[in-house]
Amino acid sequence: MAQWPASAKVMLSGYGENFDPSVARTEMERGVPKERLLNSQVLQKLPVSVFFRTPADIQTFEDWYFTDLQRIGWFSMTHPRTGQAITARFEGGNIGTLSVQAPRFYMAKRDLVLEYLRA
């Protein structure tokens, strides 16, 4: 399995967490709505900003994305908040727009969404 590139740094600014709780809710004619679990695991989403220091770091990330992952593959990485190993992928295969932070593509970033199954 592919490993998250060391040169792609997940930034704390732009970081977030959300998930679909995978709960079915049925409104009742009277009283409290009924709820039940749909799945034992939920799809956790991590909106993050990824920072690149050099143009070579950008190219390494794109080569990894197109060659190793073929845009939709799963990869292992360390969860930014918990430090646990997770298996993740890019939501919809999308790695976001590259935005330049300094001249000649030194310091650039991508805002993207990672997703993984959480027990």
PDB file of N, CA and C in Angstrom:
ATOM      1  N   MET A   1       0.835  -1.179   0.000  1.00  0.00           N
ATOM      2  CA  MET A   1       0.000   0.000   0.000  1.00  0.00           C
ATOM      3  C   MET A   1       0.880   1.242   0.000  1.00  0.00           C
ATOM      4  N   ALA A   2       0.418   2.259  -0.686  1.00  0.00           N
ATOM      5  CA  ALA A   2       1.156   3.523  -0.769  1.00  0.00           C
ATOM      6  C   ALA A   2       1.198   4.214   0.591  1.00  0.00           C
ATOM      7  N   GLN A   3       2.257   4.959   0.824  1.00  0.00           N
ATOM      8  CA  GLN A   3       2.462   5.706   2.063  1.00  0.00           C
ATOM      9  C   GLN A   3       2.419   7.197   1.745  1.00  0.00           C
ATOM     10  N   TRP A   4       1.792   7.999   2.610  1.00  0.00           N
ATOM     11  CA  TRP A   4       1.731   9.455   2.439  1.00  0.00           C
ATOM     12  C   TRP A   4       3.144   9.997   2.298  1.00  0.00           C
ATOM     13  N   PRO A   5       3.421  10.844   1.295  1.00  0.00           N
ATOM     14  CA  PRO A   5       4.778  11.363   1.094  1.00  0.00           C
ATOM     15  C   PRO A   5       5.241  12.245   2.256  1.00  0.00           C
ATOM     16  N   ALA A   6       6.453  12.049   2.705  1.00  0.00           N
ATOM     17  CA  ALA A   6       7.004  12.806   3.828  1.00  0.00           C
ATOM     18  C   ALA A   6       7.139  14.287   3.502  1.00  0.00           C
ATOM     19  N   SER A   7       7.298  14.624   2.230  1.00  0.00           N
ATOM     20  CA  SER A   7       7.482  16.029   1.844  1.00  0.00           C
ATOM     21  C   SER A   7       6.169  16.818   1.823  1.00  0.00           C
ATOM     22  N   ALA A   8       5.025  16.144   1.944  1.00  0.00           N
ATOM     23  CA  ALA A   8       3.713  16.807   1.983  1.00  0.00           C
ATOM     24  C   ALA A   8       3.304  16.943   3.442  1.00  0.00           C
ATOM     25  N   LYS A   9       3.365  18.149   3.961  1.00  0.00           N
ATOM     26  CA  LYS A   9       3.091  18.401   5.382  1.00  0.00           C
ATOM     27  C   LYS A   9       1.652  18.858   5.574  1.00  0.00           C
ATOM     28  N   VAL A  10       0.924  18.162   6.451  1.00  0.00           N
ATOM     29  CA  VAL A  10      -0.439  18.562   6.792  1.00  0.00           C
ATOM     30  C   VAL A  10      -0.357  19.722   7.775  1.00  0.00           C
ATOM     31  N   MET A  11      -0.973  20.843   7.415  1.00  0.00           N
ATOM     32  CA  MET A  11      -0.923  22.049   8.239  1.00  0.00           C
ATOM     33  C   MET A  11      -2.063  22.045   9.265  1.00  0.00           C
ATOM     34  N   LEU A  12      -1.834  22.668  10.413  1.00  0.00           N
ATOM     35  CA  LEU A  12      -2.884  22.794  11.407  1.00  0.00           C
ATOM     36  C   LEU A  12      -3.938  23.808  10.979  1.00  0.00           C
ATOM     37  N   SER A  13      -3.509  24.886  10.320  1.00  0.00           N
ATOM     38  CA  SER A  13      -4.503  25.835   9.810  1.00  0.00           C
ATOM     39  C   SER A  13      -5.216  25.167   8.640  1.00  0.00           C
ATOM     40  N   GLY A  14      -6.512  25.255   8.624  1.00  0.00           N
ATOM     41  CA  GLY A  14      -7.290  24.601   7.577  1.00  0.00           C
ATOM     42  C   GLY A  14      -7.716  23.192   7.946  1.00  0.00           C
ATOM     43  N   TYR A  15      -7.284  22.692   9.114  1.00  0.00           N
ATOM     44  CA  TYR A  15      -7.629  21.334   9.535  1.00  0.00           C
ATOM     45  C   TYR A  15      -9.033  21.308  10.124  1.00  0.00           C
ATOM     46  N   GLY A  16      -9.754  20.250   9.870  1.00  0.00           N
ATOM     47  CA  GLY A  16     -11.078  20.057  10.448  1.00  0.00           C
ATOM     48  C   GLY A  16     -11.424  18.580  10.455  1.00  0.00           C
ATOM     49  N   GLU A  17     -12.499  18.249  11.114  1.00  0.00           N
ATOM     50  CA  GLU A  17     -12.993  16.868  11.140  1.00  0.00           C
ATOM     51  C   GLU A  17     -14.508  16.893  11.071  1.00  0.00           C
ATOM     52  N   ASN A  18     -15.085  16.004  10.271  1.00  0.00           N
ATOM     53  CA  ASN A  18     -16.522  15.797  10.272  1.00  0.00           C
ATOM     54  C   ASN A  18     -16.808  14.398   9.756  1.00  0.00           C
ATOM     55  N   PHE A  19     -18.033  13.941   9.970  1.00  0.00           N
ATOM     56  CA  PHE A  19     -18.396  12.603   9.515  1.00  0.00           C
ATOM     57  C   PHE A  19     -19.899  12.509   9.331  1.00  0.00           C
ATOM     58  N   ASP A  20     -20.295  11.540   8.527  1.00  0.00           N
ATOM     59  CA  ASP A  20     -21.703  11.184   8.385  1.00  0.00           C
ATOM     60  C   ASP A  20     -21.976  10.153   9.473  1.00  0.00           C
ATOM     61  N   PRO A  21     -22.887  10.419  10.403  1.00  0.00           N
ATOM     62  CA  PRO A  21     -23.086   9.500  11.522  1.00  0.00           C
ATOM     63  C   PRO A  21     -23.691   8.150  11.134  1.00  0.00           C
ATOM     64  N   SER A  22     -24.166   8.008   9.908  1.00  0.00           N
ATOM     65  CA  SER A  22     -24.739   6.763   9.420  1.00  0.00           C
ATOM     66  C   SER A  22     -25.893   6.306  10.313  1.00  0.00           C
ATOM     67  N   VAL A  23     -26.833   7.221  10.512  1.00  0.00           N
ATOM     68  CA  VAL A  23     -28.010   6.980  11.350  1.00  0.00           C
ATOM     69  C   VAL A  23     -29.253   7.226  10.505  1.00  0.00           C
ATOM     70  N   ALA A  24     -30.218   6.298  10.571  1.00  0.00           N
ATOM     71  CA  ALA A  24     -31.505   6.484   9.906  1.00  0.00           C
ATOM     72  C   ALA A  24     -32.474   7.050  10.936  1.00  0.00           C
ATOM     73  N   ARG A  25     -33.167   8.115  10.564  1.00  0.00           N
ATOM     74  CA  ARG A  25     -34.090   8.785  11.480  1.00  0.00           C
ATOM     75  C   ARG A  25     -35.483   8.749  10.872  1.00  0.00           C
ATOM     76  N   THR A  26     -36.447   8.274  11.636  1.00  0.00           N
ATOM     77  CA  THR A  26     -37.823   8.189  11.177  1.00  0.00           C
ATOM     78  C   THR A  26     -38.690   9.078  12.067  1.00  0.00           C
ATOM     79  N   GLU A  27     -39.303  10.063  11.452  1.00  0.00           N
ATOM     80  CA  GLU A  27     -40.207  10.941  12.198  1.00  0.00           C
ATOM     81  C   GLU A  27     -41.474  10.157  12.535  1.00  0.00           C
ATOM     82  N   MET A  28     -41.949  10.332  13.730  1.00  0.00           N
ATOM     83  CA  MET A  28     -43.156   9.648  14.191  1.00  0.00           C
ATOM     84  C   MET A  28     -44.320  10.634  14.160  1.00  0.00           C
ATOM     85  N   GLU A  29     -45.536  10.093  14.056  1.00  0.00           N
ATOM     86  CA  GLU A  29     -46.714  10.955  14.058  1.00  0.00           C
ATOM     87  C   GLU A  29     -46.800  11.724  15.368  1.00  0.00           C
ATOM     88  N   ARG A  30     -46.456  11.023  16.450  1.00  0.00           N
ATOM     89  CA  ARG A  30     -46.398  11.671  17.758  1.00  0.00           C
ATOM     90  C   ARG A  30     -45.150  11.186  18.474  1.00  0.00           C
ATOM     91  N   GLY A  31     -44.610  12.015  19.289  1.00  0.00           N
ATOM     92  CA  GLY A  31     -43.479  11.603  20.110  1.00  0.00           C
ATOM     93  C   GLY A  31     -42.127  11.816  19.445  1.00  0.00           C
ATOM     94  N   VAL A  32     -41.155  11.214  20.064  1.00  0.00           N
ATOM     95  CA  VAL A  32     -39.759  11.374  19.655  1.00  0.00           C
ATOM     96  C   VAL A  32     -39.470  10.555  18.394  1.00  0.00           C
ATOM     97  N   PRO A  33     -38.726  11.115  17.432  1.00  0.00           N
ATOM     98  CA  PRO A  33     -38.360  10.338  16.241  1.00  0.00           C
ATOM     99  C   PRO A  33     -37.533   9.100  16.619  1.00  0.00           C
ATOM    100  N   LYS A  34     -37.714   8.035  15.871  1.00  0.00           N
ATOM    101  CA  LYS A  34     -36.935   6.803  16.094  1.00  0.00           C
ATOM    102  C   LYS A  34     -35.649   6.893  15.286  1.00  0.00           C
ATOM    103  N   GLU A  35     -34.575   6.334  15.843  1.00  0.00           N
ATOM    104  CA  GLU A  35     -33.287   6.307  15.159  1.00  0.00           C
ATOM    105  C   GLU A  35     -32.684   4.916  15.247  1.00  0.00           C
ATOM    106  N   ARG A  36     -31.938   4.564  14.205  1.00  0.00           N
ATOM    107  CA  ARG A  36     -31.206   3.291  14.213  1.00  0.00           C
ATOM    108  C   ARG A  36     -29.912   3.473  13.445  1.00  0.00           C
ATOM    109  N   LEU A  37     -28.919   2.674  13.826  1.00  0.00           N
ATOM    110  CA  LEU A  37     -27.627   2.718  13.144  1.00  0.00           C
ATOM    111  C   LEU A  37     -27.733   2.010  11.803  1.00  0.00           C
ATOM    112  N   LEU A  38     -27.134   2.605  10.768  1.00  0.00           N
ATOM    113  CA  LEU A  38     -27.117   1.980   9.444  1.00  0.00           C
ATOM    114  C   LEU A  38     -25.869   1.131   9.242  1.00  0.00           C
ATOM    115  N   ASN A  39     -24.720   1.602   9.738  1.00  0.00           N
ATOM    116  CA  ASN A  39     -23.454   0.905   9.542  1.00  0.00           C
ATOM    117  C   ASN A  39     -22.672   0.882  10.846  1.00  0.00           C
ATOM    118  N   SER A  40     -21.797  -0.105  10.977  1.00  0.00           N
ATOM    119  CA  SER A  40     -20.960  -0.185  12.181  1.00  0.00           C
ATOM    120  C   SER A  40     -19.794   0.795  12.116  1.00  0.00           C
ATOM    121  N   GLN A  41     -19.413   1.246  10.919  1.00  0.00           N
ATOM    122  CA  GLN A  41     -18.338   2.214  10.751  1.00  0.00           C
ATOM    123  C   GLN A  41     -18.885   3.457  10.061  1.00  0.00           C
ATOM    124  N   VAL A  42     -18.243   4.590  10.311  1.00  0.00           N
ATOM    125  CA  VAL A  42     -18.636   5.823   9.641  1.00  0.00           C
ATOM    126  C   VAL A  42     -17.481   6.328   8.783  1.00  0.00           C
ATOM    127  N   LEU A  43     -17.812   7.077   7.763  1.00  0.00           N
ATOM    128  CA  LEU A  43     -16.802   7.668   6.894  1.00  0.00           C
ATOM    129  C   LEU A  43     -16.397   9.018   7.475  1.00  0.00           C
ATOM    130  N   GLN A  44     -15.208   9.060   8.050  1.00  0.00           N
ATOM    131  CA  GLN A  44     -14.663  10.276   8.663  1.00  0.00           C
ATOM    132  C   GLN A  44     -14.018  11.118   7.576  1.00  0.00           C
ATOM    133  N   LYS A  45     -14.252  12.418   7.596  1.00  0.00           N
ATOM    134  CA  LYS A  45     -13.659  13.328   6.606  1.00  0.00           C
ATOM    135  C   LYS A  45     -12.762  14.328   7.309  1.00  0.00           C
ATOM    136  N   LEU A  46     -11.596  14.549   6.720  1.00  0.00           N
ATOM    137  CA  LEU A  46     -10.614  15.480   7.270  1.00  0.00           C
ATOM    138  C   LEU A  46     -10.290  16.552   6.227  1.00  0.00           C
ATOM    139  N   PRO A  47     -10.932  17.723   6.308  1.00  0.00           N
ATOM    140  CA  PRO A  47     -10.505  18.824   5.441  1.00  0.00           C
ATOM    141  C   PRO A  47      -9.143  19.326   5.937  1.00  0.00           C
ATOM    142  N   VAL A  48      -8.151  19.327   5.071  1.00  0.00           N
ATOM    143  CA  VAL A  48      -6.795  19.728   5.464  1.00  0.00           C
ATOM    144  C   VAL A  48      -6.166  20.622   4.397  1.00  0.00           C
ATOM    145  N   SER A  49      -5.135  21.340   4.809  1.00  0.00           N
ATOM    146  CA  SER A  49      -4.261  22.054   3.882  1.00  0.00           C
ATOM    147  C   SER A  49      -2.929  21.327   3.897  1.00  0.00           C
ATOM    148  N   VAL A  50      -2.396  21.052   2.718  1.00  0.00           N
ATOM    149  CA  VAL A  50      -1.119  20.350   2.596  1.00  0.00           C
ATOM    150  C   VAL A  50      -0.087  21.356   2.082  1.00  0.00           C
ATOM    151  N   PHE A  51       1.049  21.438   2.775  1.00  0.00           N
ATOM    152  CA  PHE A  51       2.086  22.425   2.486  1.00  0.00           C
ATOM    153  C   PHE A  51       3.275  21.772   1.794  1.00  0.00           C
ATOM    154  N   PHE A  52       3.795  22.441   0.778  1.00  0.00           N
ATOM    155  CA  PHE A  52       4.978  21.987   0.046  1.00  0.00           C
ATOM    156  C   PHE A  52       6.032  23.086   0.118  1.00  0.00           C
ATOM    157  N   ARG A  53       7.273  22.720   0.446  1.00  0.00           N
ATOM    158  CA  ARG A  53       8.345  23.704   0.588  1.00  0.00           C
ATOM    159  C   ARG A  53       9.021  24.065  -0.738  1.00  0.00           C
ATOM    160  N   THR A  54       9.106  23.113  -1.654  1.00  0.00           N
ATOM    161  CA  THR A  54       9.845  23.341  -2.903  1.00  0.00           C
ATOM    162  C   THR A  54       9.038  22.862  -4.113  1.00  0.00           C
ATOM    163  N   PRO A  55       9.413  23.308  -5.302  1.00  0.00           N
ATOM    164  CA  PRO A  55       8.772  22.784  -6.510  1.00  0.00           C
ATOM    165  C   PRO A  55       8.950  21.266  -6.644  1.00  0.00           C
ATOM    166  N   ALA A  56      10.074  20.741  -6.184  1.00  0.00           N
ATOM    167  CA  ALA A  56      10.308  19.285  -6.238  1.00  0.00           C
ATOM    168  C   ALA A  56       9.315  18.544  -5.344  1.00  0.00           C
ATOM    169  N   ASP A  57       8.951  19.124  -4.192  1.00  0.00           N
ATOM    170  CA  ASP A  57       7.961  18.506  -3.306  1.00  0.00           C
ATOM    171  C   ASP A  57       6.596  18.432  -3.979  1.00  0.00           C
ATOM    172  N   ILE A  58       6.260  19.480  -4.719  1.00  0.00           N
ATOM    173  CA  ILE A  58       4.992  19.496  -5.462  1.00  0.00           C
ATOM    174  C   ILE A  58       4.994  18.381  -6.498  1.00  0.00           C
ATOM    175  N   GLN A  59       6.085  18.261  -7.232  1.00  0.00           N
ATOM    176  CA  GLN A  59       6.174  17.251  -8.283  1.00  0.00           C
ATOM    177  C   GLN A  59       6.150  15.839  -7.701  1.00  0.00           C
ATOM    178  N   THR A  60       6.829  15.636  -6.595  1.00  0.00           N
ATOM    179  CA  THR A  60       6.835  14.322  -5.934  1.00  0.00           C
ATOM    180  C   THR A  60       5.419  13.924  -5.538  1.00  0.00           C
ATOM    181  N   PHE A  61       4.670  14.865  -4.972  1.00  0.00           N
ATOM    182  CA  PHE A  61       3.293  14.600  -4.559  1.00  0.00           C
ATOM    183  C   PHE A  61       2.425  14.258  -5.762  1.00  0.00           C
ATOM    184  N   GLU A  62       2.529  15.027  -6.841  1.00  0.00           N
ATOM    185  CA  GLU A  62       1.721  14.767  -8.030  1.00  0.00           C
ATOM    186  C   GLU A  62       2.089  13.438  -8.688  1.00  0.00           C
ATOM    187  N   ASP A  63       3.374  13.111  -8.728  1.00  0.00           N
ATOM    188  CA  ASP A  63       3.796  11.810  -9.273  1.00  0.00           C
ATOM    189  C   ASP A  63       3.218  10.669  -8.441  1.00  0.00           C
ATOM    190  N   TRP A  64       3.273  10.810  -7.124  1.00  0.00           N
ATOM    191  CA  TRP A  64       2.703   9.800  -6.206  1.00  0.00           C
ATOM    192  C   TRP A  64       1.206   9.654  -6.453  1.00  0.00           C
ATOM    193  N   TYR A  65       0.505  10.768  -6.598  1.00  0.00           N
ATOM    194  CA  TYR A  65      -0.941  10.781  -6.816  1.00  0.00           C
ATOM    195  C   TYR A  65      -1.321  10.099  -8.137  1.00  0.00           C
ATOM    196  N   PHE A  66      -0.632  10.458  -9.219  1.00  0.00           N
ATOM    197  CA  PHE A  66      -0.981   9.911 -10.528  1.00  0.00           C
ATOM    198  C   PHE A  66      -0.452   8.499 -10.751  1.00  0.00           C
ATOM    199  N   THR A  67       0.742   8.193 -10.245  1.00  0.00           N
ATOM    200  CA  THR A  67       1.369   6.897 -10.518  1.00  0.00           C
ATOM    201  C   THR A  67       1.021   5.854  -9.471  1.00  0.00           C
ATOM    202  N   ASP A  68       1.339   6.133  -8.212  1.00  0.00           N
ATOM    203  CA  ASP A  68       1.121   5.137  -7.150  1.00  0.00           C
ATOM    204  C   ASP A  68      -0.363   4.942  -6.837  1.00  0.00           C
ATOM    205  N   LEU A  69      -1.090   6.045  -6.669  1.00  0.00           N
ATOM    206  CA  LEU A  69      -2.505   5.958  -6.288  1.00  0.00           C
ATOM    207  C   LEU A  69      -3.434   5.823  -7.480  1.00  0.00           C
ATOM    208  N   GLN A  70      -2.970   6.231  -8.639  1.00  0.00           N
ATOM    209  CA  GLN A  70      -3.809   6.299  -9.836  1.00  0.00           C
ATOM    210  C   GLN A  70      -5.088   7.079  -9.538  1.00  0.00           C
ATOM    211  N   ARG A  71      -4.941   8.148  -8.778  1.00  0.00           N
ATOM    212  CA  ARG A  71      -5.949   9.135  -8.395  1.00  0.00           C
ATOM    213  C   ARG A  71      -6.959   8.655  -7.361  1.00  0.00           C
ATOM    214  N   ILE A  72      -7.286   7.368  -7.305  1.00  0.00           N
ATOM    215  CA  ILE A  72      -8.357   6.921  -6.408  1.00  0.00           C
ATOM    216  C   ILE A  72      -7.907   5.894  -5.373  1.00  0.00           C
ATOM    217  N   GLY A  73      -6.620   5.607  -5.312  1.00  0.00           N
ATOM    218  CA  GLY A  73      -6.142   4.561  -4.411  1.00  0.00           C
ATOM    219  C   GLY A  73      -6.139   4.964  -2.945  1.00  0.00           C
ATOM    220  N   TRP A  74      -6.054   3.959  -2.102  1.00  0.00           N
ATOM    221  CA  TRP A  74      -5.943   4.145  -0.660  1.00  0.00           C
ATOM    222  C   TRP A  74      -4.465   4.233  -0.288  1.00  0.00           C
ATOM    223  N   PHE A  75      -4.170   4.920   0.796  1.00  0.00           N
ATOM    224  CA  PHE A  75      -2.793   5.067   1.275  1.00  0.00           C
ATOM    225  C   PHE A  75      -2.785   5.099   2.794  1.00  0.00           C
ATOM    226  N   SER A  76      -1.629   4.779   3.378  1.00  0.00           N
ATOM    227  CA  SER A  76      -1.495   4.865   4.831  1.00  0.00           C
ATOM    228  C   SER A  76      -0.848   6.177   5.200  1.00  0.00           C
ATOM    229  N   MET A  77      -1.273   6.661   6.350  1.00  0.00           N
ATOM    230  CA  MET A  77      -0.719   7.906   6.872  1.00  0.00           C
ATOM    231  C   MET A  77      -0.964   7.964   8.372  1.00  0.00           C
ATOM    232  N   THR A  78      -0.329   8.907   9.015  1.00  0.00           N
ATOM    233  CA  THR A  78      -0.550   9.132  10.432  1.00  0.00           C
ATOM    234  C   THR A  78      -1.645  10.174  10.583  1.00  0.00           C
ATOM    235  N   HIS A  79      -2.635   9.870  11.401  1.00  0.00           N
ATOM    236  CA  HIS A  79      -3.730  10.818  11.635  1.00  0.00           C
ATOM    237  C   HIS A  79      -3.154  12.081  12.261  1.00  0.00           C
ATOM    238  N   PRO A  80      -3.469  13.259  11.707  1.00  0.00           N
ATOM    239  CA  PRO A  80      -2.860  14.500  12.201  1.00  0.00           C
ATOM    240  C   PRO A  80      -3.151  14.812  13.672  1.00  0.00           C
ATOM    241  N   ARG A  81      -4.313  14.413  14.176  1.00  0.00           N
ATOM    242  CA  ARG A  81      -4.662  14.730  15.561  1.00  0.00           C
ATOM    243  C   ARG A  81      -4.289  13.617  16.532  1.00  0.00           C
ATOM    244  N   THR A  82      -4.605  12.372  16.186  1.00  0.00           N
ATOM    245  CA  THR A  82      -4.427  11.270  17.138  1.00  0.00           C
ATOM    246  C   THR A  82      -3.064  10.601  17.054  1.00  0.00           C
ATOM    247  N   GLY A  83      -2.390  10.728  15.910  1.00  0.00           N
ATOM    248  CA  GLY A  83      -1.111  10.056  15.729  1.00  0.00           C
ATOM    249  C   GLY A  83      -1.246   8.581  15.374  1.00  0.00           C
ATOM    250  N   GLN A  84      -2.473   8.085  15.237  1.00  0.00           N
ATOM    251  CA  GLN A  84      -2.702   6.685  14.867  1.00  0.00           C
ATOM    252  C   GLN A  84      -2.513   6.489  13.370  1.00  0.00           C
ATOM    253  N   ALA A  85      -2.138   5.286  12.994  1.00  0.00           N
ATOM    254  CA  ALA A  85      -2.025   4.936  11.573  1.00  0.00           C
ATOM    255  C   ALA A  85      -3.435   4.726  11.020  1.00  0.00           C
ATOM    256  N   ILE A  86      -3.717   5.352   9.880  1.00  0.00           N
ATOM    257  CA  ILE A  86      -5.012   5.186   9.225  1.00  0.00           C
ATOM    258  C   ILE A  86      -4.787   4.866   7.751  1.00  0.00           C
ATOM    259  N   THR A  87      -5.811   4.296   7.129  1.00  0.00           N
ATOM    260  CA  THR A  87      -5.815   4.061   5.695  1.00  0.00           C
ATOM    261  C   THR A  87      -6.838   5.020   5.110  1.00  0.00           C
ATOM    262  N   ALA A  88      -6.391   5.929   4.269  1.00  0.00           N
ATOM    263  CA  ALA A  88      -7.242   7.008   3.769  1.00  0.00           C
ATOM    264  C   ALA A  88      -7.190   7.097   2.255  1.00  0.00           C
ATOM    265  N   ARG A  89      -8.024   7.965   1.725  1.00  0.00           N
ATOM    266  CA  ARG A  89      -8.016   8.303   0.298  1.00  0.00           C
ATOM    267  C   ARG A  89      -8.499   9.741   0.150  1.00  0.00           C
ATOM    268  N   PHE A  90      -8.391  10.275  -1.064  1.00  0.00           N
ATOM    269  CA  PHE A  90      -8.870  11.617  -1.342  1.00  0.00           C
ATOM    270  C   PHE A  90     -10.347  11.536  -1.702  1.00  0.00           C
ATOM    271  N   GLU A  91     -11.151  12.404  -1.111  1.00  0.00           N
ATOM    272  CA  GLU A  91     -12.580  12.407  -1.405  1.00  0.00           C
ATOM    273  C   GLU A  91     -12.806  12.684  -2.883  1.00  0.00           C
ATOM    274  N   GLY A  92     -13.446  11.753  -3.573  1.00  0.00           N
ATOM    275  CA  GLY A  92     -13.718  11.904  -4.997  1.00  0.00           C
ATOM    276  C   GLY A  92     -12.475  11.935  -5.860  1.00  0.00           C
ATOM    277  N   GLY A  93     -11.327  11.507  -5.317  1.00  0.00           N
ATOM    278  CA  GLY A  93     -10.074  11.533  -6.062  1.00  0.00           C
ATOM    279  C   GLY A  93      -9.538  12.942  -6.280  1.00  0.00           C
ATOM    280  N   ASN A  94     -10.069  13.928  -5.561  1.00  0.00           N
ATOM    281  CA  ASN A  94      -9.733  15.333  -5.774  1.00  0.00           C
ATOM    282  C   ASN A  94      -8.635  15.798  -4.823  1.00  0.00           C
ATOM    283  N   ILE A  95      -7.540  16.338  -5.365  1.00  0.00           N
ATOM    284  CA  ILE A  95      -6.461  16.862  -4.521  1.00  0.00           C
ATOM    285  C   ILE A  95      -6.467  18.386  -4.456  1.00  0.00           C
ATOM    286  N   GLY A  96      -7.538  19.020  -4.882  1.00  0.00           N
ATOM    287  CA  GLY A  96      -7.686  20.463  -4.728  1.00  0.00           C
ATOM    288  C   GLY A  96      -6.803  21.268  -5.669  1.00  0.00           C
ATOM    289  N   THR A  97      -6.896  22.570  -5.522  1.00  0.00           N
ATOM    290  CA  THR A  97      -6.156  23.509  -6.355  1.00  0.00           C
ATOM    291  C   THR A  97      -4.828  23.857  -5.702  1.00  0.00           C
ATOM    292  N   LEU A  98      -3.773  23.861  -6.491  1.00  0.00           N
ATOM    293  CA  LEU A  98      -2.458  24.267  -5.996  1.00  0.00           C
ATOM    294  C   LEU A  98      -2.428  25.781  -5.915  1.00  0.00           C
ATOM    295  N   SER A  99      -2.125  26.323  -4.743  1.00  0.00           N
ATOM    296  CA  SER A  99      -1.995  27.775  -4.607  1.00  0.00           C
ATOM    297  C   SER A  99      -0.581  28.105  -4.156  1.00  0.00           C
ATOM    298  N   VAL A 100       0.020  29.019  -4.874  1.00  0.00           N
ATOM    299  CA  VAL A 100       1.412  29.400  -4.658  1.00  0.00           C
ATOM    300  C   VAL A 100       1.491  30.409  -3.520  1.00  0.00           C
ATOM    301  N   GLN A 101       2.461  30.215  -2.617  1.00  0.00           N
ATOM    302  CA  GLN A 101       2.628  31.091  -1.463  1.00  0.00           C
ATOM    303  C   GLN A 101       3.870  31.975  -1.578  1.00  0.00           C
ATOM    304  N   ALA A 102       4.774  31.656  -2.511  1.00  0.00           N
ATOM    305  CA  ALA A 102       6.011  32.420  -2.701  1.00  0.00           C
ATOM    306  C   ALA A 102       6.430  32.302  -4.174  1.00  0.00           C
ATOM    307  N   PRO A 103       7.293  33.202  -4.644  1.00  0.00           N
ATOM    308  CA  PRO A 103       7.726  33.155  -6.052  1.00  0.00           C
ATOM    309  C   PRO A 103       8.370  31.819  -6.435  1.00  0.00           C
ATOM    310  N   ARG A 104       8.226  31.476  -7.705  1.00  0.00           N
ATOM    311  CA  ARG A 104       8.821  30.285  -8.320  1.00  0.00           C
ATOM    312  C   ARG A 104       8.396  28.981  -7.648  1.00  0.00           C
ATOM    313  N   PHE A 105       7.188  28.967  -7.104  1.00  0.00           N
ATOM    314  CA  PHE A 105       6.574  27.781  -6.505  1.00  0.00           C
ATOM    315  C   PHE A 105       7.294  27.270  -5.265  1.00  0.00           C
ATOM    316  N   TYR A 106       8.092  28.127  -4.627  1.00  0.00           N
ATOM    317  CA  TYR A 106       8.604  27.773  -3.307  1.00  0.00           C
ATOM    318  C   TYR A 106       7.490  28.124  -2.342  1.00  0.00           C
ATOM    319  N   MET A 107       7.162  27.201  -1.496  1.00  0.00           N
ATOM    320  CA  MET A 107       6.041  27.312  -0.568  1.00  0.00           C
ATOM    321  C   MET A 107       4.714  27.403  -1.326  1.00  0.00           C
ATOM    322  N   ALA A 108       4.052  26.278  -1.408  1.00  0.00           N
ATOM    323  CA  ALA A 108       2.742  26.185  -2.047  1.00  0.00           C
ATOM    324  C   ALA A 108       1.860  25.297  -1.184  1.00  0.00           C
ATOM    325  N   LYS A 109       0.560  25.328  -1.435  1.00  0.00           N
ATOM    326  CA  LYS A 109      -0.338  24.475  -0.658  1.00  0.00           C
ATOM    327  C   LYS A 109      -1.517  24.023  -1.499  1.00  0.00           C
ATOM    328  N   ARG A 110      -2.136  22.967  -1.027  1.00  0.00           N
ATOM    329  CA  ARG A 110      -3.368  22.443  -1.598  1.00  0.00           C
ATOM    330  C   ARG A 110      -4.359  22.261  -0.450  1.00  0.00           C
ATOM    331  N   ASP A 111      -5.611  22.682  -0.658  1.00  0.00           N
ATOM    332  CA  ASP A 111      -6.677  22.411   0.296  1.00  0.00           C
ATOM    333  C   ASP A 111      -7.459  21.231  -0.260  1.00  0.00           C
ATOM    334  N   LEU A 112      -7.585  20.181   0.546  1.00  0.00           N
ATOM    335  CA  LEU A 112      -8.240  18.965   0.075  1.00  0.00           C
ATOM    336  C   LEU A 112      -8.953  18.268   1.223  1.00  0.00           C
ATOM    337  N   VAL A 113      -9.677  17.202   0.888  1.00  0.00           N
ATOM    338  CA  VAL A 113     -10.406  16.437   1.906  1.00  0.00           C
ATOM    339  C   VAL A 113      -9.945  14.987   1.844  1.00  0.00           C
ATOM    340  N   LEU A 114      -9.490  14.484   2.997  1.00  0.00           N
ATOM    341  CA  LEU A 114      -9.145  13.074   3.152  1.00  0.00           C
ATOM    342  C   LEU A 114     -10.343  12.369   3.768  1.00  0.00           C
ATOM    343  N   GLU A 115     -10.498  11.084   3.455  1.00  0.00           N
ATOM    344  CA  GLU A 115     -11.570  10.324   4.090  1.00  0.00           C
ATOM    345  C   GLU A 115     -11.065   8.937   4.446  1.00  0.00           C
ATOM    346  N   TYR A 116     -11.579   8.413   5.572  1.00  0.00           N
ATOM    347  CA  TYR A 116     -11.228   7.076   6.023  1.00  0.00           C
ATOM    348  C   TYR A 116     -12.377   6.496   6.830  1.00  0.00           C
ATOM    349  N   LEU A 117     -12.396   5.164   6.956  1.00  0.00           N
ATOM    350  CA  LEU A 117     -13.440   4.511   7.749  1.00  0.00           C
ATOM    351  C   LEU A 117     -13.054   4.502   9.214  1.00  0.00           C
ATOM    352  N   ARG A 118     -13.946   4.966  10.037  1.00  0.00           N
ATOM    353  CA  ARG A 118     -13.708   5.012  11.478  1.00  0.00           C
ATOM    354  C   ARG A 118     -14.636   4.005  12.143  1.00  0.00           C
ATOM    355  N   ALA A 119     -14.094   3.214  13.031  1.00  0.00           N
ATOM    356  CA  ALA A 119     -14.915   2.186  13.702  1.00  0.00           C
ATOM    357  C   ALA A 119     -15.838   2.813  14.712  1.00  0.00           C
TER     358      ALA A 119
END
